[in-house]
């Protein structure tokens, strides 16, 4: 008699299709995970930059304001508009001292924050960005002093990140 020879080598088309589908699902899951991880990493990096900038600016600002007489929106080298009963939002502040030669202007413009004293300009930060809602200071009356808040804008990979922090409450005269 003739015996049939069984060919057990190879795989069927159904097995190939099932394996391909499982591989495609796993690959899609990996791509989604990598994209989400990348976006989260970018957001954390931007937040870290803003926190570092805020911390540095806060320290400098509080040290500067404590010894000042008035703090308000910059008008001229010697005068500022102090906040009344409501908060004052500005990108250009002046810290007035008893000796006008020591007055300090802190200005946010374009992508940087500058400290200006006696016509000497020092860059405090150069990593800010220009957006529809730029970085600003908010000066609010608080007891016998002021409460300062800082809103920083930072762009990273075509996304704008905003970080708002209260710098703190500082005693200063803020009067005539």
Foldseek 3Di string as FASTA:
>chain_A
DDDDDDDPDDDDPVVVVVVVVVVVVVVVVVVVVVVVVVVVVQVVVQVVVVVVLLVQCLVVVQVLQQQFAAKAADDDLADHDGDDQAKDKAQKMWGHHPPSQAIWIWGDDAQFIWIAGNNDIDTSDRFFHDDPDAKIKIWHDDVQWTKIKTWTWGDDPNDIDIDIDTSGTHHHRNDD
